[in-house]
Amino acid sequence: MTAEQLRSQVAALASQMAGRPLDRSLADWLNTEHGPASDTFRQLQATCEAGVRDGWLCNREGGGIRYGRIFKPADDLQGYSVDVVDMDSIVGPQHVHPNGEIDMVMPLAGDAKFDGHGAGWVVYGPGSQHAPTVQGGRALVLYLLPAGEIKFL
């Protein structure tokens, strides 16, 4: 699997999200239409796991978190940037999402939960903030940022 395959998978999903506000209804739609039992989720997870294993995803490390921005915002991604983090029972840096954030949570080991959520999608609205936390094991989190905007506090 390749970065180009990941880009194609994210672009296909992003096109379906175009114009939707980043709110609870988007999270509900993602979890219903593209949740952990869906082909979309399984394919994205398989590509992310392969990317980590093959070294083209999460190829940086800081503070015990492996991470990497794989794609900058682009038209084919509906203006989203694409990042993936690999976290194992750790709290990340506090930050603000000026335009919101969409997270795909992929538990890999134990009973990993991201901000209290198991496998699935979490959506944070514009202006929201958090210290991303994985408890109970290891998880990959793919996140989409409108215009690539994130502000660390």
N, C-alpha and C. Protein backbone atom coordinates (compact mmCIF):
# COMPACT_ATOMS: atom_id res chain seq x y z
N MET A 1 0.84 -1.17 0.00
CA MET A 1 0.00 0.00 0.00
C MET A 1 0.89 1.24 0.00
N THR A 2 0.36 2.32 -0.56
CA THR A 2 1.19 3.51 -0.78
C THR A 2 0.49 4.77 -0.29
N ALA A 3 1.27 5.84 -0.22
CA ALA A 3 0.71 7.14 0.14
C ALA A 3 -0.33 7.58 -0.89
N GLU A 4 -0.10 7.24 -2.14
CA GLU A 4 -1.07 7.61 -3.19
C GLU A 4 -2.41 6.91 -2.97
N GLN A 5 -2.37 5.66 -2.50
CA GLN A 5 -3.62 4.96 -2.19
C GLN A 5 -4.34 5.64 -1.03
N LEU A 6 -3.59 6.03 -0.01
CA LEU A 6 -4.21 6.72 1.12
C LEU A 6 -4.85 8.03 0.66
N ARG A 7 -4.14 8.75 -0.17
CA ARG A 7 -4.68 10.02 -0.67
C ARG A 7 -5.98 9.79 -1.43
N SER A 8 -6.01 8.78 -2.28
CA SER A 8 -7.21 8.46 -3.04
C SER A 8 -8.37 8.08 -2.12
N GLN A 9 -8.09 7.29 -1.09
CA GLN A 9 -9.13 6.89 -0.14
C GLN A 9 -9.68 8.09 0.61
N VAL A 10 -8.78 8.97 1.09
CA VAL A 10 -9.23 10.15 1.84
C VAL A 10 -9.98 11.10 0.91
N ALA A 11 -9.50 11.27 -0.31
CA ALA A 11 -10.17 12.16 -1.26
C ALA A 11 -11.60 11.70 -1.53
N ALA A 12 -11.79 10.41 -1.69
CA ALA A 12 -13.14 9.88 -1.94
C ALA A 12 -14.06 10.16 -0.76
N LEU A 13 -13.57 9.98 0.45
CA LEU A 13 -14.37 10.27 1.64
C LEU A 13 -14.61 11.77 1.78
N ALA A 14 -13.56 12.56 1.59
CA ALA A 14 -13.69 14.02 1.73
C ALA A 14 -14.72 14.59 0.76
N SER A 15 -14.79 14.03 -0.43
CA SER A 15 -15.77 14.53 -1.41
C SER A 15 -17.20 14.31 -0.90
N GLN A 16 -17.41 13.25 -0.13
CA GLN A 16 -18.74 13.00 0.43
C GLN A 16 -19.04 13.93 1.61
N MET A 17 -17.98 14.47 2.24
CA MET A 17 -18.17 15.37 3.38
C MET A 17 -18.23 16.83 2.96
N ALA A 18 -17.97 17.12 1.70
CA ALA A 18 -17.89 18.50 1.23
C ALA A 18 -19.14 19.29 1.62
N GLY A 19 -18.91 20.44 2.22
CA GLY A 19 -20.01 21.33 2.59
C GLY A 19 -20.69 21.01 3.90
N ARG A 20 -20.37 19.90 4.53
CA ARG A 20 -20.99 19.55 5.81
C ARG A 20 -20.29 20.28 6.95
N PRO A 21 -21.07 20.83 7.88
CA PRO A 21 -20.43 21.48 9.03
C PRO A 21 -19.76 20.45 9.93
N LEU A 22 -18.69 20.86 10.59
CA LEU A 22 -17.99 19.98 11.53
C LEU A 22 -18.71 20.05 12.86
N ASP A 23 -19.62 19.09 13.05
CA ASP A 23 -20.44 19.06 14.26
C ASP A 23 -20.86 17.62 14.55
N ARG A 24 -21.72 17.46 15.53
CA ARG A 24 -22.16 16.13 15.96
C ARG A 24 -22.85 15.35 14.83
N SER A 25 -23.58 16.08 13.98
CA SER A 25 -24.28 15.38 12.89
C SER A 25 -23.28 14.76 11.91
N LEU A 26 -22.13 15.41 11.70
CA LEU A 26 -21.11 14.83 10.84
C LEU A 26 -20.52 13.57 11.48
N ALA A 27 -20.26 13.64 12.78
CA ALA A 27 -19.75 12.45 13.49
C ALA A 27 -20.74 11.31 13.38
N ASP A 28 -22.02 11.61 13.58
CA ASP A 28 -23.05 10.57 13.48
C ASP A 28 -23.08 9.97 12.08
N TRP A 29 -23.02 10.82 11.06
CA TRP A 29 -23.05 10.35 9.67
C TRP A 29 -21.82 9.48 9.39
N LEU A 30 -20.63 9.95 9.78
CA LEU A 30 -19.41 9.17 9.55
C LEU A 30 -19.48 7.81 10.23
N ASN A 31 -19.95 7.78 11.47
CA ASN A 31 -20.02 6.51 12.20
C ASN A 31 -21.09 5.58 11.65
N THR A 32 -22.13 6.14 11.06
CA THR A 32 -23.19 5.32 10.46
C THR A 32 -22.78 4.81 9.08
N GLU A 33 -22.28 5.72 8.25
CA GLU A 33 -21.97 5.38 6.86
C GLU A 33 -20.56 4.81 6.66
N HIS A 34 -19.62 5.22 7.53
CA HIS A 34 -18.22 4.85 7.32
C HIS A 34 -17.57 4.40 8.63
N GLY A 35 -18.37 3.77 9.49
CA GLY A 35 -17.89 3.32 10.80
C GLY A 35 -16.97 2.11 10.71
N PRO A 36 -16.53 1.62 11.85
CA PRO A 36 -15.53 0.54 11.91
C PRO A 36 -15.88 -0.73 11.14
N ALA A 37 -17.16 -1.02 10.92
CA ALA A 37 -17.54 -2.23 10.19
C ALA A 37 -17.60 -2.01 8.68
N SER A 38 -17.40 -0.76 8.25
CA SER A 38 -17.53 -0.44 6.82
C SER A 38 -16.25 -0.75 6.04
N ASP A 39 -16.41 -0.92 4.74
CA ASP A 39 -15.25 -1.11 3.87
C ASP A 39 -14.34 0.12 3.90
N THR A 40 -14.94 1.30 3.92
CA THR A 40 -14.16 2.54 3.96
C THR A 40 -13.20 2.54 5.14
N PHE A 41 -13.74 2.27 6.32
CA PHE A 41 -12.93 2.30 7.55
C PHE A 41 -11.85 1.22 7.50
N ARG A 42 -12.24 0.01 7.13
CA ARG A 42 -11.28 -1.10 7.10
C ARG A 42 -10.14 -0.83 6.11
N GLN A 43 -10.49 -0.27 4.95
CA GLN A 43 -9.46 0.02 3.95
C GLN A 43 -8.53 1.14 4.40
N LEU A 44 -9.10 2.19 4.98
CA LEU A 44 -8.27 3.28 5.51
C LEU A 44 -7.34 2.77 6.61
N GLN A 45 -7.89 1.95 7.51
CA GLN A 45 -7.07 1.42 8.60
C GLN A 45 -5.95 0.54 8.05
N ALA A 46 -6.26 -0.32 7.11
CA ALA A 46 -5.23 -1.20 6.54
C ALA A 46 -4.12 -0.38 5.88
N THR A 47 -4.48 0.68 5.18
CA THR A 47 -3.48 1.52 4.53
C THR A 47 -2.64 2.25 5.57
N CYS A 48 -3.28 2.77 6.63
CA CYS A 48 -2.53 3.45 7.69
C CYS A 48 -1.59 2.49 8.40
N GLU A 49 -2.06 1.31 8.73
CA GLU A 49 -1.19 0.33 9.39
C GLU A 49 0.00 -0.02 8.51
N ALA A 50 -0.24 -0.21 7.21
CA ALA A 50 0.86 -0.52 6.29
C ALA A 50 1.83 0.66 6.20
N GLY A 51 1.31 1.87 6.17
CA GLY A 51 2.16 3.05 6.10
C GLY A 51 3.07 3.20 7.31
N VAL A 52 2.54 2.90 8.50
CA VAL A 52 3.36 2.94 9.71
C VAL A 52 4.42 1.84 9.64
N ARG A 53 3.99 0.66 9.29
CA ARG A 53 4.91 -0.48 9.21
C ARG A 53 6.02 -0.23 8.18
N ASP A 54 5.65 0.39 7.04
CA ASP A 54 6.61 0.60 5.96
C ASP A 54 7.40 1.90 6.10
N GLY A 55 7.04 2.72 7.10
CA GLY A 55 7.83 3.91 7.40
C GLY A 55 7.46 5.19 6.69
N TRP A 56 6.40 5.21 5.90
CA TRP A 56 6.02 6.46 5.25
C TRP A 56 4.93 7.21 6.01
N LEU A 57 4.41 6.64 7.07
CA LEU A 57 3.48 7.34 7.97
C LEU A 57 4.09 7.36 9.36
N CYS A 58 3.79 8.42 10.10
CA CYS A 58 4.27 8.55 11.49
C CYS A 58 5.79 8.40 11.56
N ASN A 59 6.48 9.07 10.65
CA ASN A 59 7.93 8.92 10.58
C ASN A 59 8.70 9.96 11.39
N ARG A 60 7.99 10.69 12.24
CA ARG A 60 8.63 11.63 13.18
C ARG A 60 8.21 11.23 14.58
N GLU A 61 8.99 11.68 15.56
CA GLU A 61 8.61 11.39 16.95
C GLU A 61 8.94 12.57 17.83
N GLY A 62 8.02 12.84 18.75
CA GLY A 62 8.21 13.91 19.72
C GLY A 62 7.38 13.62 20.94
N GLY A 63 7.98 13.71 22.12
CA GLY A 63 7.23 13.52 23.35
C GLY A 63 6.58 12.16 23.47
N GLY A 64 7.17 11.14 22.84
CA GLY A 64 6.61 9.79 22.92
C GLY A 64 5.50 9.51 21.93
N ILE A 65 5.23 10.46 21.03
CA ILE A 65 4.18 10.30 20.02
C ILE A 65 4.84 10.27 18.64
N ARG A 66 4.49 9.25 17.87
CA ARG A 66 4.93 9.20 16.48
C ARG A 66 3.86 9.90 15.65
N TYR A 67 4.29 10.71 14.68
CA TYR A 67 3.32 11.52 13.95
C TYR A 67 3.87 11.88 12.57
N GLY A 68 3.02 12.49 11.79
CA GLY A 68 3.44 13.01 10.50
C GLY A 68 2.28 13.55 9.69
N ARG A 69 2.50 14.70 9.06
CA ARG A 69 1.52 15.25 8.12
C ARG A 69 1.85 14.64 6.77
N ILE A 70 0.96 13.80 6.30
CA ILE A 70 1.21 13.11 5.04
C ILE A 70 0.77 13.94 3.84
N PHE A 71 -0.29 14.77 4.01
CA PHE A 71 -0.76 15.62 2.91
C PHE A 71 -1.12 17.00 3.43
N LYS A 72 -0.68 18.00 2.71
CA LYS A 72 -1.07 19.38 2.99
C LYS A 72 -2.48 19.59 2.42
N PRO A 73 -3.16 20.66 2.85
CA PRO A 73 -4.49 20.93 2.30
C PRO A 73 -4.44 21.03 0.78
N ALA A 74 -5.44 20.44 0.15
CA ALA A 74 -5.48 20.44 -1.31
C ALA A 74 -6.92 20.33 -1.80
N ASP A 75 -7.14 20.77 -3.03
CA ASP A 75 -8.50 20.75 -3.60
C ASP A 75 -9.08 19.34 -3.63
N ASP A 76 -8.27 18.34 -4.02
CA ASP A 76 -8.80 16.98 -4.11
C ASP A 76 -9.15 16.42 -2.73
N LEU A 77 -8.61 17.04 -1.68
CA LEU A 77 -8.92 16.63 -0.29
C LEU A 77 -9.94 17.58 0.34
N GLN A 78 -10.61 18.37 -0.49
CA GLN A 78 -11.61 19.33 -0.04
C GLN A 78 -11.04 20.34 0.95
N GLY A 79 -9.76 20.65 0.78
CA GLY A 79 -9.12 21.65 1.63
C GLY A 79 -8.60 21.13 2.95
N TYR A 80 -8.71 19.83 3.19
CA TYR A 80 -8.21 19.24 4.42
C TYR A 80 -6.73 18.88 4.29
N SER A 81 -6.01 19.00 5.41
CA SER A 81 -4.70 18.36 5.52
C SER A 81 -4.96 17.00 6.15
N VAL A 82 -4.00 16.09 5.99
CA VAL A 82 -4.14 14.74 6.53
C VAL A 82 -2.90 14.43 7.37
N ASP A 83 -3.12 14.12 8.63
CA ASP A 83 -2.07 13.74 9.57
C ASP A 83 -2.45 12.39 10.18
N VAL A 84 -1.43 11.65 10.60
CA VAL A 84 -1.67 10.41 11.35
C VAL A 84 -0.73 10.41 12.54
N VAL A 85 -1.27 10.05 13.70
CA VAL A 85 -0.45 9.91 14.91
C VAL A 85 -0.57 8.48 15.42
N ASP A 86 0.50 8.04 16.06
CA ASP A 86 0.57 6.72 16.68
C ASP A 86 0.83 6.97 18.16
N MET A 87 -0.18 6.69 18.99
CA MET A 87 -0.12 7.02 20.41
C MET A 87 -0.37 5.76 21.24
N ASP A 88 0.39 5.62 22.32
CA ASP A 88 0.24 4.47 23.21
C ASP A 88 0.14 4.97 24.65
N SER A 89 -1.08 4.99 25.17
CA SER A 89 -1.34 5.40 26.57
C SER A 89 -0.57 6.67 26.92
N ILE A 90 -0.93 7.76 26.25
CA ILE A 90 -0.19 9.02 26.40
C ILE A 90 -1.13 10.21 26.17
N VAL A 91 -0.75 11.34 26.76
CA VAL A 91 -1.47 12.59 26.56
C VAL A 91 -0.62 13.48 25.66
N GLY A 92 -1.23 13.97 24.60
CA GLY A 92 -0.52 14.85 23.67
C GLY A 92 -0.65 16.31 24.06
N PRO A 93 -0.06 17.19 23.26
CA PRO A 93 -0.06 18.62 23.57
C PRO A 93 -1.42 19.29 23.36
N GLN A 94 -1.76 20.16 24.30
CA GLN A 94 -3.01 20.94 24.22
C GLN A 94 -2.97 21.79 22.95
N HIS A 95 -4.08 21.80 22.22
CA HIS A 95 -4.16 22.62 21.02
C HIS A 95 -5.59 23.02 20.72
N VAL A 96 -5.71 24.01 19.83
CA VAL A 96 -7.01 24.55 19.39
C VAL A 96 -7.19 24.20 17.92
N HIS A 97 -8.44 23.92 17.57
CA HIS A 97 -8.81 23.66 16.17
C HIS A 97 -9.56 24.89 15.66
N PRO A 98 -8.88 25.84 15.01
CA PRO A 98 -9.59 27.05 14.55
C PRO A 98 -10.79 26.74 13.66
N ASN A 99 -10.67 25.73 12.81
CA ASN A 99 -11.75 25.38 11.87
C ASN A 99 -12.36 24.02 12.16
N GLY A 100 -11.96 23.40 13.27
CA GLY A 100 -12.45 22.07 13.62
C GLY A 100 -11.45 20.98 13.27
N GLU A 101 -11.82 19.75 13.60
CA GLU A 101 -10.96 18.59 13.36
C GLU A 101 -11.84 17.35 13.25
N ILE A 102 -11.49 16.47 12.33
CA ILE A 102 -12.17 15.19 12.17
C ILE A 102 -11.16 14.09 12.45
N ASP A 103 -11.48 13.20 13.39
CA ASP A 103 -10.55 12.14 13.80
C ASP A 103 -11.13 10.77 13.51
N MET A 104 -10.30 9.92 12.92
CA MET A 104 -10.61 8.51 12.72
C MET A 104 -9.78 7.73 13.73
N VAL A 105 -10.43 7.10 14.68
CA VAL A 105 -9.76 6.40 15.77
C VAL A 105 -9.65 4.92 15.43
N MET A 106 -8.39 4.41 15.43
CA MET A 106 -8.11 3.03 15.06
C MET A 106 -7.35 2.34 16.19
N PRO A 107 -8.04 1.74 17.16
CA PRO A 107 -7.33 1.03 18.23
C PRO A 107 -6.52 -0.13 17.66
N LEU A 108 -5.29 -0.28 18.16
CA LEU A 108 -4.41 -1.35 17.69
C LEU A 108 -4.10 -2.38 18.76
N ALA A 109 -4.05 -1.95 20.02
CA ALA A 109 -3.68 -2.86 21.11
C ALA A 109 -4.42 -2.48 22.37
N GLY A 110 -4.74 -3.49 23.16
CA GLY A 110 -5.47 -3.26 24.40
C GLY A 110 -6.87 -2.75 24.12
N ASP A 111 -7.38 -1.98 25.05
CA ASP A 111 -8.70 -1.36 24.91
C ASP A 111 -8.49 0.14 24.68
N ALA A 112 -7.68 0.46 23.69
CA ALA A 112 -7.30 1.85 23.44
C ALA A 112 -8.52 2.70 23.11
N LYS A 113 -8.54 3.86 23.75
CA LYS A 113 -9.58 4.85 23.50
C LYS A 113 -8.90 6.20 23.29
N PHE A 114 -9.39 6.95 22.34
CA PHE A 114 -8.90 8.29 22.05
C PHE A 114 -9.91 9.28 22.60
N ASP A 115 -9.50 10.08 23.55
CA ASP A 115 -10.41 11.04 24.20
C ASP A 115 -11.71 10.35 24.63
N GLY A 116 -11.57 9.11 25.12
CA GLY A 116 -12.72 8.36 25.60
C GLY A 116 -13.50 7.62 24.54
N HIS A 117 -13.07 7.70 23.28
CA HIS A 117 -13.78 7.07 22.16
C HIS A 117 -13.00 5.88 21.63
N GLY A 118 -13.69 4.77 21.40
CA GLY A 118 -13.10 3.60 20.77
C GLY A 118 -13.07 3.79 19.27
N ALA A 119 -13.00 2.68 18.54
CA ALA A 119 -12.94 2.73 17.08
C ALA A 119 -14.11 3.52 16.51
N GLY A 120 -13.79 4.40 15.57
CA GLY A 120 -14.82 5.21 14.93
C GLY A 120 -14.34 6.62 14.69
N TRP A 121 -15.31 7.50 14.53
CA TRP A 121 -15.04 8.89 14.16
C TRP A 121 -15.43 9.84 15.28
N VAL A 122 -14.59 10.86 15.48
CA VAL A 122 -14.84 11.92 16.44
C VAL A 122 -14.68 13.24 15.69
N VAL A 123 -15.61 14.15 15.90
CA VAL A 123 -15.54 15.45 15.23
C VAL A 123 -15.53 16.56 16.28
N TYR A 124 -14.57 17.44 16.16
CA TYR A 124 -14.47 18.62 17.02
C TYR A 124 -14.81 19.84 16.16
N GLY A 125 -15.69 20.68 16.66
CA GLY A 125 -16.12 21.86 15.93
C GLY A 125 -15.09 22.98 15.93
N PRO A 126 -15.34 24.00 15.11
CA PRO A 126 -14.44 25.15 15.07
C PRO A 126 -14.27 25.78 16.44
N GLY A 127 -13.04 26.14 16.77
CA GLY A 127 -12.73 26.77 18.05
C GLY A 127 -12.56 25.82 19.21
N SER A 128 -12.77 24.54 18.98
CA SER A 128 -12.64 23.56 20.07
C SER A 128 -11.17 23.34 20.40
N GLN A 129 -10.92 22.79 21.57
CA GLN A 129 -9.55 22.48 21.97
C GLN A 129 -9.53 21.25 22.85
N HIS A 130 -8.37 20.61 22.89
CA HIS A 130 -8.17 19.44 23.74
C HIS A 130 -6.70 19.09 23.83
N ALA A 131 -6.40 18.23 24.78
CA ALA A 131 -5.09 17.57 24.85
C ALA A 131 -5.37 16.14 24.44
N PRO A 132 -5.07 15.76 23.19
CA PRO A 132 -5.43 14.43 22.71
C PRO A 132 -4.83 13.35 23.60
N THR A 133 -5.71 12.43 24.01
CA THR A 133 -5.32 11.43 24.99
C THR A 133 -5.71 10.04 24.52
N VAL A 134 -4.74 9.14 24.54
CA VAL A 134 -5.03 7.73 24.28
C VAL A 134 -4.78 7.00 25.59
N GLN A 135 -5.80 6.27 26.05
CA GLN A 135 -5.71 5.47 27.27
C GLN A 135 -6.01 4.03 26.94
N GLY A 136 -5.41 3.12 27.70
CA GLY A 136 -5.75 1.70 27.60
C GLY A 136 -5.07 0.93 26.50
N GLY A 137 -4.10 1.53 25.82
CA GLY A 137 -3.40 0.80 24.77
C GLY A 137 -2.92 1.72 23.68
N ARG A 138 -2.69 1.13 22.53
CA ARG A 138 -2.13 1.85 21.38
C ARG A 138 -3.20 2.07 20.33
N ALA A 139 -3.17 3.27 19.72
CA ALA A 139 -4.11 3.58 18.65
C ALA A 139 -3.44 4.46 17.60
N LEU A 140 -3.87 4.30 16.38
CA LEU A 140 -3.57 5.26 15.33
C LEU A 140 -4.76 6.20 15.24
N VAL A 141 -4.48 7.46 14.99
CA VAL A 141 -5.55 8.43 14.77
C VAL A 141 -5.20 9.21 13.51
N LEU A 142 -6.07 9.10 12.51
CA LEU A 142 -5.96 9.89 11.30
C LEU A 142 -6.79 11.13 11.54
N TYR A 143 -6.21 12.30 11.30
CA TYR A 143 -7.04 13.48 11.48
C TYR A 143 -6.96 14.42 10.30
N LEU A 144 -8.12 15.00 10.04
CA LEU A 144 -8.30 15.94 8.94
C LEU A 144 -8.51 17.32 9.54
N LEU A 145 -7.73 18.28 9.08
CA LEU A 145 -7.84 19.66 9.55
C LEU A 145 -8.20 20.56 8.38
N PRO A 146 -9.35 21.26 8.46
CA PRO A 146 -9.69 22.20 7.40
C PRO A 146 -8.59 23.26 7.28
N ALA A 147 -8.09 23.45 6.07
CA ALA A 147 -7.02 24.39 5.77
C ALA A 147 -5.73 24.06 6.52
N GLY A 148 -5.66 22.89 7.13
CA GLY A 148 -4.45 22.48 7.85
C GLY A 148 -4.20 23.24 9.13
N GLU A 149 -5.22 23.94 9.63
CA GLU A 149 -5.00 24.83 10.77
C GLU A 149 -5.11 24.13 12.12
N ILE A 150 -4.08 24.34 12.92
CA ILE A 150 -4.02 23.85 14.29
C ILE A 150 -3.12 24.82 15.05
N LYS A 151 -3.48 25.13 16.29
CA LYS A 151 -2.68 26.06 17.10
C LYS A 151 -2.37 25.39 18.42
N PHE A 152 -1.08 25.15 18.64
CA PHE A 152 -0.64 24.53 19.89
C PHE A 152 -0.54 25.61 20.96
N LEU A 153 -0.98 25.25 22.16
CA LEU A 153 -0.97 26.21 23.27
C LEU A 153 0.27 26.05 24.12
